[in-house]
Every structure is written in structure tokens, then in C-alpha cells.
Amino acid sequence: MTTTIAAATAQGRPTRWLGFGALILAVLLVSVDGTVLALAMPSIGRDLAATGTQMLWIGDVYSFVLAGLLVTMGTLGDRIGRRKLLLYGAAGFGLVSTAIAYAPSAPWLIAGRVLLGVAGATLMPATLALIRTLFPDSRERSTAIGIWGAAMSAGAALGPVLGGFLLEHFWWGSAFLINAPVMAILLAVGGKLLPESRNPEPGPWDLPSVALSMVGMLGVVYAVKEIAAHGPGTGTVAAAMLGVAALLAFARRQLSLPHPLIDVRLFRNRTFGGVIAAGMLSVLGLSGLLYFLSQYFQLVVGYRPLEAGLAELPAALGSMLFGILAGATTRRTSVRTVLGGGMALSGLAMATLTVVEASTPYLLLGTALFLMGAGMGLAFTVASDVILTVVPPHQAGAASAVSETAYELGMALGIATLGTVVTGAYRDAALPAGTPAHLAAAAHDSLAGAAAAAETLPAAQAAALLDAARTAFTDGLALATTAGSILLLAAAAAVVALVRTPRPEK
């Protein structure tokens, strides 16, 4: 069997950790790309004359496409070979990144982010599935998954730091251009050191199932995205209904197939379902907060891009440190203790930001970010380890895809759900009397729009406009953190009540 032979070969090969290093490069880069543009949004909005809606699409369409295609690509890797899919994805990721580094317009950049999402979807399931092949020993695999989870969560937190550095020295397109050499390294190292693995008896690739999964995921995430930006409407409700119907049809079809894309019976195991939900919700809280704190640090506090990125660094440090420690902590306690504790830690840390305003001391913000990162590192890393433990080896790609779908969907939903609260509060801002109508419209569209509008006004009017906009934004951010903390704490309680210690599948 291909998977078994590859695993045995990998276990005896001392270079497997070098091959694992190549996988971590892919994880870091794809994860960084989900948040690297957070600090660049003001520059992109100005250079490309992007509207508020286009800005939201630029920010989260990458994660939505990833979420929509991960299951499809994970099952494809199980069939054609996970290393092969990884290398194809790396080549595509590098080429698309180079093409959109010089995007001349917002629609061009949005289209490029869509293609990056497609390429990223080929990379992510393969990385986690190949870890199972590289490290058949459970202790080594737990350590490797801890590093993988730390890289994935840290990548999301490091994105703003890298973006800030590049914006200080180059232009926003450099955030994409750096992808090409990194992917070239992955192609060279991965092609030599990574073993191939696939499902030895995958059965046919059921195209109707592929179509249903794509329509279902994209319909649901599109509806969430549009509701976040504009509120519920006929089109968004229709998209949501279509997405839910497609996902239900997908689940029913998997139950009737002799070789399903995903064994949906796994979700009857409440541990499997619980860790999927826990991983998604932990990412939701941190990613949504980082997206809006990037704007807070730049447009409210007045940090330069690099300063804003460094201000978010505690989240990366917390997620890296506690992600690596997650495996050892679980062995000494239990899965549900670490999962529930991680989510509760994130929820409590987020609750401390409900009093955020322009004058909030950085010590409070930095401490909260570190604790949120720590909670996410614990929860998501343990969730990923459990998911690989409870499924048979031949389903590793599909199970990995489910895990990473939860991650990417959590990242996108974090921006969308917290964005709904922030945007709703911001658009209700009372602007100074006498503000010209066209400038008031721009100011109500986004905080970046208010900053641009203020540049055209006399000093006194500009100061009044910016003060009103910043107050409205921080009020919205405080409401969003309140909602996010309640959600995380409630989910932590549910995890403790529902999740049990998993039993490995052979």
C-alpha cells in the first residue's frame, strides 16, 4: 500500500525533518497571505481607489476561496498523490503572486486573490496529510503537528508584521512578490526530500460530490460575506439557502457512495465534530481582532505600518509558544481540558478589550494579544492532532482538508462577523455639521475613507471629522470584542461538556 510504504521509508530517513521544514515553509506562507494585507489596506484603498466593499473582498476573498476548495483539493491529493498536489500548488502560488504584485486595479487584485486561494487550497491539506506519512510514530507526529499548528497560527499573526516591514521599505505589492522565491525553495527541497503518499484504493473521484461541496461552501461563505458588508437581502438569503441545500445534498450523497470523498459518519463522533468547531472558533476570534486592530493602530493611534505590525507581534509569540507546548500539555491532562482551556483563555483575553479606546495603554492590548494567541495555539494545534488520530491513514488528506477548512472559514468568518458589528456601529457615526455630502459618504464608508476625506478639509474641520470617525470605530471595536468574547466563552463551555478523549483508528 502506497501510504504504508511511504511511511516506513520516511521513518527511516534522517532527512525527513528537512522535508518537514519545506512543509512548514508552505504553511507559513499560505497562512501569512491570509493577513499580510491587513496593514496594507489603507495604501491599497488609496492607490487603487478601492471602495469599502472592494476592500472587504480584497481582505477576505482569499480565505473564502480556500475554505470552499480545501475539501475538494484534499480528496484530490488522496487520489493523485499529496506530494504531487503540493508541488503543483507551490508552482501556481508563486506564479500568481508575481502576476498580482503589480495589480493595476481593485478588480484585478480581487481576481488574483481568488487564484491565490485556489493555489493555496492545493497546498494546505497536503502539508498536514504528509506529516502523518513522515512521522508514523505518535510522539514524533504530535511534536511535528505542534510545530505545524504553531506555524499556521503564527503565520496569521506574523502577516501584519511582515506587511508592516514591507510597507515601510517598499510598496504593498511586495507582500505578494516575496512568495515567489519561497515557493521556489519549496519546489526544490520538497521535490527531493518529501515522500509520495496517496490512498491506495481511493475509488473514483465523484464529480457530483466535488460540485456539491464547492457550491455549498462558496454559497454559504458568500452569503456571510455579503450580509457582513450590506446586511441581509434577497440575493444573500438565496445564496445561503443554495449553499445549505448543496451541503445537505453532499452529506446525503456521501452516505450512499462506496468510496465517498469524506466519510461524513465521522461527524457522529462528537469528539471529531467538537474539535472541528473548537478550531474554527478559536481562529475566528483572533483573525477578526487582528484585522481591525491593524486599522486601529494605524488610523486611530497613528502608528506607522511597521509599528502597527510589531504591535501585533505578541499574538504570534503566544500562538507559537503554546502551539508547540500543546501536545505535551494534552498528554499530561486531556484533549477537552486543553481545547476548552485554550478557548476560554482567548475569550477572557478578548473580554479585556471591551473597554478599548484611542487612549488605551499598549500594555493592555499587548497582553491581551499574547493571551489570545496562546489560546488559539493550544486549541487549533490539539484539534489538528486529534483529527489525524481518529481517522484511518488513507483518509488523512480528506480529514486534513476538513481541519483546514475550519481554520480558513474561521479566519474569513472572523473578519465578516466582527466586521458586521464594527461596520454597523461605524456607519451610525455622527459626523460634524457642515461636512460636505460627498466627503461624509466617503467617511461613512470606512475609516480609511474618513482619513482621506479629512486631507481635503481645513485643519479644524479635519480634526473634528477624524475625531468622530475614530470614536465611532473604537466604539464598534469594543462591541465586536464583547460579542467575540461571549461566543468564545460559550464555545469553551460546550467543548468541556461534549468532547471526550479520542481513540485512534487503525
Protein backbone atom coordinates (compact mmCIF):
# COMPACT_ATOMS: atom_id res chain seq x y z
CA MET A 1 0.00 0.00 0.00
CA THR A 2 1.39 3.36 -1.05
CA THR A 3 0.75 5.15 2.21
CA THR A 4 2.22 2.37 4.36
CA ILE A 5 5.38 2.01 2.25
CA ALA A 6 5.95 5.74 2.18
CA ALA A 7 5.52 5.97 5.94
CA ALA A 8 8.02 3.20 6.59
CA THR A 9 10.52 4.80 4.24
CA ALA A 10 10.08 8.19 5.83
CA GLN A 11 10.54 6.79 9.34
CA GLY A 12 14.00 5.52 8.49
CA ARG A 13 15.10 8.61 6.62
CA PRO A 14 17.05 11.16 8.70
CA THR A 15 16.23 13.92 6.20
CA ARG A 16 12.52 13.74 7.00
CA TRP A 17 12.87 16.77 9.28
CA LEU A 18 14.34 18.74 6.37
CA GLY A 19 11.37 17.72 4.27
CA PHE A 20 9.13 18.74 7.14
CA GLY A 21 10.86 22.13 7.07
CA ALA A 22 9.73 22.54 3.47
CA LEU A 23 6.15 21.82 4.54
CA ILE A 24 6.42 24.47 7.24
CA LEU A 25 7.53 26.99 4.60
CA ALA A 26 4.30 26.32 2.71
CA VAL A 27 2.18 26.56 5.85
CA LEU A 28 3.77 29.83 6.93
CA LEU A 29 3.43 31.45 3.54
CA VAL A 30 -0.18 30.46 2.89
CA SER A 31 -1.14 31.46 6.43
CA VAL A 32 0.74 34.77 6.22
CA ASP A 33 -1.08 35.58 2.99
CA GLY A 34 -4.37 35.49 4.85
CA THR A 35 -3.43 38.52 6.97
CA VAL A 36 -0.42 40.18 5.35
CA LEU A 37 -2.63 42.75 3.61
CA ALA A 38 -4.29 43.93 6.83
CA LEU A 39 -1.82 46.78 7.26
CA ALA A 40 -1.72 47.48 3.55
CA MET A 41 -5.44 48.21 3.28
CA PRO A 42 -5.10 51.99 3.63
CA SER A 43 -2.40 52.03 0.92
CA ILE A 44 -4.36 49.72 -1.37
CA GLY A 45 -7.53 51.74 -0.91
CA ARG A 46 -5.67 54.93 -1.83
CA ASP A 47 -3.59 53.56 -4.75
CA LEU A 48 -6.34 51.50 -6.37
CA ALA A 49 -9.28 53.78 -5.44
CA ALA A 50 -11.00 50.75 -3.90
CA THR A 51 -14.49 51.09 -2.42
CA GLY A 52 -15.35 49.82 1.05
CA THR A 53 -16.92 46.67 -0.40
CA GLN A 54 -13.90 46.04 -2.63
CA MET A 55 -11.67 46.45 0.41
CA LEU A 56 -13.61 43.73 2.23
CA TRP A 57 -13.35 41.44 -0.78
CA ILE A 58 -9.61 42.03 -1.06
CA GLY A 59 -9.23 41.26 2.62
CA ASP A 60 -11.20 38.03 2.86
CA VAL A 61 -11.88 36.51 -0.58
CA TYR A 62 -8.60 34.57 -0.33
CA SER A 63 -9.77 32.81 2.83
CA PHE A 64 -13.25 32.20 1.42
CA VAL A 65 -11.89 30.50 -1.72
CA LEU A 66 -9.54 28.43 0.42
CA ALA A 67 -12.43 27.35 2.59
CA GLY A 68 -14.53 26.46 -0.43
CA LEU A 69 -11.89 24.32 -2.17
CA LEU A 70 -9.97 22.62 0.64
CA VAL A 71 -12.19 19.55 0.78
CA THR A 72 -12.04 19.14 -2.98
CA MET A 73 -8.27 19.50 -3.09
CA GLY A 74 -7.73 17.29 -0.05
CA THR A 75 -9.59 14.41 -1.65
CA LEU A 76 -7.79 15.04 -4.94
CA GLY A 77 -4.44 14.72 -3.15
CA ASP A 78 -5.56 11.40 -1.65
CA ARG A 79 -6.01 10.19 -5.21
CA ILE A 80 -3.22 11.66 -7.35
CA GLY A 81 -0.60 11.95 -4.60
CA ARG A 82 -0.21 14.53 -1.85
CA ARG A 83 3.36 15.50 -2.77
CA LYS A 84 2.40 15.96 -6.40
CA LEU A 85 -0.51 18.21 -5.46
CA LEU A 86 1.74 20.16 -3.07
CA LEU A 87 4.33 20.84 -5.77
CA TYR A 88 1.73 21.85 -8.38
CA GLY A 89 0.18 24.18 -5.85
CA ALA A 90 3.53 25.73 -4.95
CA ALA A 91 4.29 26.50 -8.58
CA GLY A 92 0.87 28.06 -9.12
CA PHE A 93 1.11 30.08 -5.92
CA GLY A 94 4.43 31.57 -6.92
CA LEU A 95 3.33 32.45 -10.45
CA VAL A 96 0.04 34.07 -9.41
CA SER A 97 1.76 36.03 -6.64
CA THR A 98 4.18 37.52 -9.14
CA ALA A 99 1.36 38.43 -11.51
CA ILE A 100 -0.71 40.32 -8.94
CA ALA A 101 2.14 42.14 -7.22
CA TYR A 102 1.63 44.85 -9.84
CA ALA A 103 -2.19 44.80 -9.94
CA PRO A 104 -3.41 48.00 -11.65
CA SER A 105 -6.94 47.98 -10.17
CA ALA A 106 -9.03 46.62 -7.32
CA PRO A 107 -10.91 44.07 -9.51
CA TRP A 108 -7.56 42.77 -10.77
CA LEU A 109 -6.33 42.32 -7.20
CA ILE A 110 -9.56 40.61 -6.14
CA ALA A 111 -9.28 38.19 -9.08
CA GLY A 112 -5.66 37.49 -8.15
CA ARG A 113 -6.61 36.79 -4.56
CA VAL A 114 -9.18 34.28 -5.86
CA LEU A 115 -6.47 32.45 -7.84
CA LEU A 116 -4.15 32.53 -4.84
CA GLY A 117 -6.93 30.89 -2.85
CA VAL A 118 -7.19 28.12 -5.45
CA ALA A 119 -3.44 27.52 -5.33
CA GLY A 120 -3.38 27.69 -1.54
CA ALA A 121 -6.16 25.10 -1.36
CA THR A 122 -3.87 22.59 -3.10
CA LEU A 123 -1.11 23.21 -0.55
CA MET A 124 -2.75 23.11 2.85
CA PRO A 125 -4.35 19.62 3.00
CA ALA A 126 -1.18 18.08 1.60
CA THR A 127 1.03 19.52 4.34
CA LEU A 128 -0.87 18.01 7.26
CA ALA A 129 -1.51 14.69 5.48
CA LEU A 130 2.20 14.35 4.62
CA ILE A 131 3.10 14.85 8.29
CA ARG A 132 1.30 11.60 9.05
CA THR A 133 3.40 9.91 6.37
CA LEU A 134 6.67 11.46 7.54
CA PHE A 135 6.10 10.68 11.23
CA PRO A 136 4.26 7.40 11.86
CA ASP A 137 5.46 7.45 15.49
CA SER A 138 2.73 9.15 17.53
CA ARG A 139 5.07 11.17 19.76
CA GLU A 140 7.11 12.50 16.84
CA ARG A 141 3.92 13.22 14.95
CA SER A 142 2.50 15.11 17.92
CA THR A 143 5.62 17.27 18.06
CA ALA A 144 5.52 17.87 14.32
CA ILE A 145 1.84 18.81 14.41
CA GLY A 146 2.59 21.16 17.28
CA ILE A 147 5.16 22.94 15.13
CA TRP A 148 2.80 22.85 12.15
CA GLY A 149 -0.04 24.33 14.19
CA ALA A 150 2.28 26.95 15.64
CA ALA A 151 3.43 27.90 12.14
CA MET A 152 -0.13 28.10 10.88
CA SER A 153 -1.41 30.27 13.69
CA ALA A 154 1.79 32.28 13.93
CA GLY A 155 1.71 32.90 10.20
CA ALA A 156 -1.65 34.61 10.55
CA ALA A 157 -0.27 36.75 13.37
CA LEU A 158 3.07 37.43 11.65
CA GLY A 159 1.36 38.61 8.47
CA PRO A 160 0.83 42.16 9.76
CA VAL A 161 4.46 42.34 10.99
CA LEU A 162 5.81 41.31 7.61
CA GLY A 163 3.34 43.56 5.84
CA GLY A 164 4.37 46.48 8.03
CA PHE A 165 8.07 45.95 7.31
CA LEU A 166 7.49 45.74 3.56
CA LEU A 167 5.25 48.83 3.54
CA GLU A 168 7.93 50.79 5.39
CA HIS A 169 10.52 49.99 2.70
CA PHE A 170 8.62 49.10 -0.49
CA TRP A 171 5.05 49.17 -1.83
CA TRP A 172 2.07 46.97 -0.99
CA GLY A 173 2.73 44.65 -3.95
CA SER A 174 5.94 43.46 -2.32
CA ALA A 175 3.78 41.45 0.09
CA PHE A 176 2.96 39.20 -2.88
CA LEU A 177 6.31 39.32 -4.64
CA ILE A 178 8.13 37.63 -1.74
CA ASN A 179 6.04 34.50 -2.29
CA ALA A 180 7.87 33.52 -5.48
CA PRO A 181 11.36 32.78 -4.05
CA VAL A 182 9.88 30.97 -1.04
CA MET A 183 7.83 28.72 -3.29
CA ALA A 184 10.91 28.10 -5.45
CA ILE A 185 12.70 26.79 -2.33
CA LEU A 186 9.72 24.58 -1.53
CA LEU A 187 9.75 23.12 -5.04
CA ALA A 188 13.48 22.36 -4.89
CA VAL A 189 13.55 20.88 -1.38
CA GLY A 190 10.15 19.21 -1.40
CA GLY A 191 10.73 17.55 -4.74
CA LYS A 192 13.82 15.79 -3.38
CA LEU A 193 13.00 15.08 0.26
CA LEU A 194 9.25 14.54 0.57
CA PRO A 195 7.88 11.01 0.06
CA GLU A 196 4.80 10.49 -2.05
CA SER A 197 1.67 9.16 -0.39
CA ARG A 198 -1.87 8.54 -1.54
CA ASN A 199 -4.89 6.43 -0.79
CA PRO A 200 -4.06 3.01 -2.31
CA GLU A 201 -7.72 2.28 -3.08
CA PRO A 202 -9.38 5.66 -3.48
CA GLY A 203 -12.20 4.69 -5.77
CA PRO A 204 -13.48 7.10 -8.42
CA TRP A 205 -13.37 10.84 -7.83
CA ASP A 206 -17.08 11.59 -7.67
CA LEU A 207 -17.54 14.79 -9.65
CA PRO A 208 -21.11 15.49 -8.47
CA SER A 209 -19.79 15.39 -4.89
CA VAL A 210 -17.00 17.78 -5.84
CA ALA A 211 -19.51 20.18 -7.38
CA LEU A 212 -21.88 19.98 -4.40
CA SER A 213 -19.09 20.66 -1.89
CA MET A 214 -17.84 23.67 -3.86
CA VAL A 215 -21.31 25.14 -4.40
CA GLY A 216 -22.22 24.55 -0.78
CA MET A 217 -19.11 26.11 0.76
CA LEU A 218 -18.93 29.04 -1.64
CA GLY A 219 -22.66 29.75 -1.33
CA VAL A 220 -22.55 29.84 2.46
CA VAL A 221 -19.39 31.92 2.73
CA TYR A 222 -20.56 34.34 0.04
CA ALA A 223 -23.79 34.89 1.95
CA VAL A 224 -21.93 35.51 5.20
CA LYS A 225 -19.59 37.93 3.43
CA GLU A 226 -22.40 39.93 1.83
CA ILE A 227 -24.52 40.02 4.98
CA ALA A 228 -21.47 41.35 6.83
CA ALA A 229 -21.00 44.10 4.26
CA HIS A 230 -24.59 45.07 3.41
CA GLY A 231 -26.97 43.23 5.71
CA PRO A 232 -29.44 40.53 4.64
CA GLY A 233 -31.02 40.83 1.21
CA THR A 234 -32.80 38.68 -1.34
CA GLY A 235 -29.59 37.66 -3.11
CA THR A 236 -27.68 36.80 0.03
CA VAL A 237 -30.55 34.79 1.51
CA ALA A 238 -30.83 32.87 -1.77
CA ALA A 239 -27.08 32.19 -1.75
CA ALA A 240 -27.26 30.96 1.84
CA MET A 241 -30.19 28.66 1.07
CA LEU A 242 -28.45 27.31 -2.02
CA GLY A 243 -25.26 26.70 -0.04
CA VAL A 244 -27.01 24.90 2.80
CA ALA A 245 -29.06 22.79 0.37
CA ALA A 246 -25.90 21.82 -1.54
CA LEU A 247 -24.08 20.84 1.66
CA LEU A 248 -27.03 18.70 2.80
CA ALA A 249 -27.15 17.03 -0.61
CA PHE A 250 -23.38 16.48 -0.40
CA ALA A 251 -23.72 14.79 3.00
CA ARG A 252 -26.55 12.54 1.80
CA ARG A 253 -24.58 11.57 -1.30
CA GLN A 254 -21.51 10.63 0.76
CA LEU A 255 -23.62 8.24 2.80
CA SER A 256 -24.69 6.40 -0.34
CA LEU A 257 -21.29 6.13 -2.05
CA PRO A 258 -18.99 3.10 -1.60
CA HIS A 259 -15.98 5.47 -1.85
CA PRO A 260 -17.10 8.88 -0.52
CA LEU A 261 -14.96 11.99 -0.73
CA ILE A 262 -15.39 12.38 3.03
CA ASP A 263 -16.78 9.85 5.44
CA VAL A 264 -19.41 12.14 6.98
CA ARG A 265 -20.11 9.45 9.58
CA LEU A 266 -17.02 10.79 11.33
CA PHE A 267 -19.13 13.73 12.47
CA ARG A 268 -21.23 11.32 14.53
CA ASN A 269 -18.16 11.16 16.76
CA ARG A 270 -18.76 14.16 18.97
CA THR A 271 -15.04 14.48 19.66
CA PHE A 272 -14.34 14.85 15.94
CA GLY A 273 -17.13 17.39 15.49
CA GLY A 274 -16.22 19.19 18.69
CA VAL A 275 -12.57 19.72 17.81
CA ILE A 276 -13.50 20.94 14.32
CA ALA A 277 -15.82 23.57 15.83
CA ALA A 278 -13.27 24.49 18.50
CA GLY A 279 -10.52 25.05 15.96
CA MET A 280 -12.75 27.23 13.81
CA LEU A 281 -13.99 29.39 16.66
CA SER A 282 -10.52 29.93 18.13
CA VAL A 283 -9.26 31.20 14.77
CA LEU A 284 -12.40 33.30 14.29
CA GLY A 285 -11.70 35.37 17.37
CA LEU A 286 -8.03 36.10 16.72
CA SER A 287 -8.20 36.69 12.96
CA GLY A 288 -11.13 39.09 13.20
CA LEU A 289 -9.48 41.02 16.01
CA LEU A 290 -6.14 41.30 14.19
CA TYR A 291 -7.84 42.60 11.05
CA PHE A 292 -9.46 45.50 12.87
CA LEU A 293 -6.61 46.16 15.30
CA SER A 294 -4.39 46.72 12.27
CA GLN A 295 -6.63 49.61 11.28
CA TYR A 296 -6.92 50.77 14.90
CA PHE A 297 -3.16 51.00 15.36
CA GLN A 298 -2.63 52.90 12.10
CA LEU A 299 -5.69 55.09 11.73
CA VAL A 300 -6.67 55.69 15.37
CA VAL A 301 -3.41 55.56 17.33
CA GLY A 302 -1.26 56.83 14.45
CA TYR A 303 1.37 54.08 14.21
CA ARG A 304 3.39 53.62 11.05
CA PRO A 305 2.75 50.29 9.26
CA LEU A 306 5.81 48.58 10.72
CA GLU A 307 4.99 49.85 14.21
CA ALA A 308 1.45 48.52 13.83
CA GLY A 309 2.77 45.14 12.73
CA LEU A 310 5.15 44.93 15.67
CA ALA A 311 2.32 45.91 17.99
CA GLU A 312 0.52 42.71 16.95
CA LEU A 313 3.63 40.54 17.42
CA PRO A 314 2.58 39.25 20.90
CA ALA A 315 -0.21 37.25 19.22
CA ALA A 316 2.37 35.44 17.07
CA LEU A 317 4.63 34.76 20.03
CA GLY A 318 1.76 33.37 22.11
CA SER A 319 0.49 31.09 19.35
CA MET A 320 3.97 29.76 18.50
CA LEU A 321 4.94 29.04 22.10
CA PHE A 322 1.71 27.41 23.20
CA GLY A 323 1.19 25.61 19.90
CA ILE A 324 4.47 23.76 20.41
CA LEU A 325 3.59 23.02 24.05
CA ALA A 326 0.08 21.81 23.18
CA GLY A 327 1.00 18.16 22.60
CA ALA A 328 2.89 17.77 25.88
CA THR A 329 0.14 19.58 27.75
CA THR A 330 -2.51 17.26 26.33
CA ARG A 331 -0.57 14.15 27.34
CA ARG A 332 -0.47 15.43 30.94
CA THR A 333 -4.14 16.49 31.06
CA SER A 334 -6.73 15.73 28.39
CA VAL A 335 -7.94 16.87 25.00
CA ARG A 336 -11.02 18.60 26.32
CA THR A 337 -9.08 20.38 29.07
CA VAL A 338 -6.61 21.87 26.60
CA LEU A 339 -9.26 22.67 23.99
CA GLY A 340 -11.67 24.22 26.46
CA GLY A 341 -8.90 25.98 28.34
CA GLY A 342 -7.43 27.44 25.17
CA MET A 343 -10.76 28.80 24.01
CA ALA A 344 -11.60 30.16 27.47
CA LEU A 345 -8.21 31.88 27.60
CA SER A 346 -8.88 33.52 24.22
CA GLY A 347 -12.36 34.57 25.31
CA LEU A 348 -11.18 36.12 28.56
CA ALA A 349 -8.34 37.94 26.81
CA MET A 350 -10.77 39.30 24.24
CA ALA A 351 -13.08 40.46 27.03
CA THR A 352 -10.36 42.78 28.34
CA LEU A 353 -10.56 44.72 25.08
CA THR A 354 -14.20 45.68 25.51
CA VAL A 355 -13.00 48.97 27.01
CA VAL A 356 -10.70 49.81 24.09
CA GLU A 357 -10.44 53.46 23.04
CA ALA A 358 -7.85 55.71 21.44
CA SER A 359 -6.02 56.22 24.74
CA THR A 360 -5.96 52.54 25.82
CA PRO A 361 -2.43 51.67 27.09
CA TYR A 362 -0.48 49.34 24.84
CA LEU A 363 0.38 47.10 27.81
CA LEU A 364 -3.26 46.03 28.00
CA LEU A 365 -3.51 45.49 24.24
CA GLY A 366 -0.23 43.58 24.01
CA THR A 367 -1.06 41.32 26.95
CA ALA A 368 -4.50 40.55 25.52
CA LEU A 369 -2.99 39.72 22.13
CA PHE A 370 -0.42 37.37 23.68
CA LEU A 371 -3.09 35.52 25.65
CA MET A 372 -5.39 35.29 22.63
CA GLY A 373 -2.54 33.88 20.56
CA ALA A 374 -1.73 31.38 23.32
CA GLY A 375 -5.32 30.19 23.47
CA MET A 376 -5.52 29.82 19.71
CA GLY A 377 -2.21 27.94 19.60
CA LEU A 378 -3.46 25.44 22.18
CA ALA A 379 -6.91 24.93 20.68
CA PHE A 380 -6.08 24.68 16.98
CA THR A 381 -2.96 22.53 17.39
CA VAL A 382 -4.73 19.99 19.60
CA ALA A 383 -7.70 19.95 17.23
CA SER A 384 -5.44 19.14 14.27
CA ASP A 385 -3.66 16.35 16.16
CA VAL A 386 -6.93 14.78 17.25
CA ILE A 387 -8.34 14.88 13.73
CA LEU A 388 -5.38 12.92 12.34
CA THR A 389 -5.60 10.47 15.26
CA VAL A 390 -9.23 9.48 14.90
CA VAL A 391 -9.23 8.79 11.13
CA PRO A 392 -7.61 5.91 9.21
CA PRO A 393 -4.36 6.76 7.37
CA HIS A 394 -5.93 6.55 3.91
CA GLN A 395 -8.34 9.36 4.84
CA ALA A 396 -5.60 11.70 6.06
CA GLY A 397 -5.95 14.12 3.16
CA ALA A 398 -9.71 14.45 3.45
CA ALA A 399 -9.56 14.82 7.24
CA SER A 400 -6.79 17.41 6.93
CA ALA A 401 -8.94 19.31 4.46
CA VAL A 402 -11.82 19.38 6.94
CA SER A 403 -9.48 20.72 9.63
CA GLU A 404 -8.06 23.44 7.42
CA THR A 405 -11.48 24.31 6.03
CA ALA A 406 -12.46 25.07 9.61
CA TYR A 407 -9.32 27.20 10.01
CA GLU A 408 -9.82 29.21 6.84
CA LEU A 409 -13.55 29.53 7.34
CA GLY A 410 -12.89 30.72 10.87
CA MET A 411 -10.45 33.32 9.56
CA ALA A 412 -12.91 34.60 6.97
CA LEU A 413 -15.87 34.48 9.32
CA GLY A 414 -13.85 36.35 11.93
CA ILE A 415 -13.47 39.29 9.57
CA ALA A 416 -17.07 39.03 8.41
CA THR A 417 -18.83 38.59 11.76
CA LEU A 418 -16.78 41.06 13.76
CA GLY A 419 -16.87 43.30 10.70
CA THR A 420 -20.65 43.33 10.81
CA VAL A 421 -20.57 44.76 14.32
CA VAL A 422 -17.74 47.24 13.66
CA THR A 423 -19.20 48.42 10.35
CA GLY A 424 -22.71 48.78 11.76
CA ALA A 425 -21.51 50.95 14.64
CA TYR A 426 -19.19 52.94 12.40
CA ARG A 427 -21.81 53.77 9.79
CA ASP A 428 -24.01 55.23 12.52
CA ALA A 429 -21.29 57.76 13.39
CA ALA A 430 -22.49 61.35 13.85
CA LEU A 431 -20.17 63.45 11.70
CA PRO A 432 -19.57 67.16 12.36
CA ALA A 433 -22.19 69.54 10.99
CA GLY A 434 -21.16 71.15 7.74
CA THR A 435 -19.25 68.16 6.36
CA PRO A 436 -19.79 68.15 2.56
CA ALA A 437 -22.11 65.35 1.44
CA HIS A 438 -19.58 63.59 -0.81
CA LEU A 439 -16.95 63.65 1.96
CA ALA A 440 -19.47 62.43 4.52
CA ALA A 441 -20.30 59.49 2.24
CA ALA A 442 -16.62 58.60 1.93
CA ALA A 443 -16.12 58.95 5.68
CA HIS A 444 -19.07 56.67 6.45
CA ASP A 445 -17.76 54.06 4.01
CA SER A 446 -14.60 53.27 6.02
CA LEU A 447 -12.14 54.74 8.49
CA ALA A 448 -9.57 54.92 5.71
CA GLY A 449 -12.13 56.90 3.69
CA ALA A 450 -12.55 59.30 6.59
CA ALA A 451 -8.78 59.81 6.77
CA ALA A 452 -8.64 60.52 3.04
CA ALA A 453 -11.61 62.91 3.26
CA ALA A 454 -10.00 64.80 6.16
CA GLU A 455 -6.97 65.58 4.00
CA THR A 456 -9.14 67.83 1.81
CA LEU A 457 -10.64 69.85 4.70
CA PRO A 458 -9.32 72.81 6.70
CA ALA A 459 -7.43 71.79 9.84
CA ALA A 460 -10.26 72.38 12.32
CA GLN A 461 -12.87 70.53 10.24
CA ALA A 462 -10.41 67.71 9.51
CA ALA A 463 -9.68 67.24 13.21
CA ALA A 464 -13.38 67.15 14.08
CA LEU A 465 -14.13 64.66 11.31
CA LEU A 466 -11.27 62.35 12.30
CA ASP A 467 -12.20 62.53 15.97
CA ALA A 468 -15.79 61.50 15.22
CA ALA A 469 -14.70 58.69 12.89
CA ARG A 470 -12.11 57.32 15.31
CA THR A 471 -14.56 57.38 18.21
CA ALA A 472 -17.16 55.51 16.15
CA PHE A 473 -14.58 52.93 15.05
CA THR A 474 -13.34 52.23 18.58
CA ASP A 475 -16.94 52.01 19.82
CA GLY A 476 -17.61 49.40 17.14
CA LEU A 477 -14.41 47.54 18.02
CA ALA A 478 -15.44 47.42 21.69
CA LEU A 479 -18.85 45.99 20.74
CA ALA A 480 -17.21 43.41 18.46
CA THR A 481 -14.84 42.22 21.17
CA THR A 482 -17.77 41.90 23.56
CA ALA A 483 -19.63 39.67 21.09
CA GLY A 484 -16.49 37.67 20.27
CA SER A 485 -15.61 37.03 23.91
CA ILE A 486 -19.13 35.81 24.71
CA LEU A 487 -19.01 33.44 21.73
CA LEU A 488 -15.61 32.01 22.68
CA LEU A 489 -16.50 31.51 26.33
CA ALA A 490 -19.78 29.79 25.44
CA ALA A 491 -17.96 27.54 22.98
CA ALA A 492 -15.33 26.68 25.62
CA ALA A 493 -18.07 25.53 27.97
CA ALA A 494 -19.61 23.42 25.20
CA VAL A 495 -16.25 21.79 24.41
CA VAL A 496 -15.73 20.79 28.05
CA ALA A 497 -19.23 19.30 28.15
CA LEU A 498 -19.12 17.42 24.83
CA VAL A 499 -15.57 16.37 23.93
CA ARG A 500 -14.14 13.08 25.16
CA THR A 501 -10.65 11.58 24.87
CA PRO A 502 -10.35 10.21 21.32
CA ARG A 503 -9.50 6.64 20.42
CA PRO A 504 -7.18 6.21 17.44
CA GLU A 505 -8.49 4.49 14.33
CA LYS A 506 -6.31 1.79 12.75
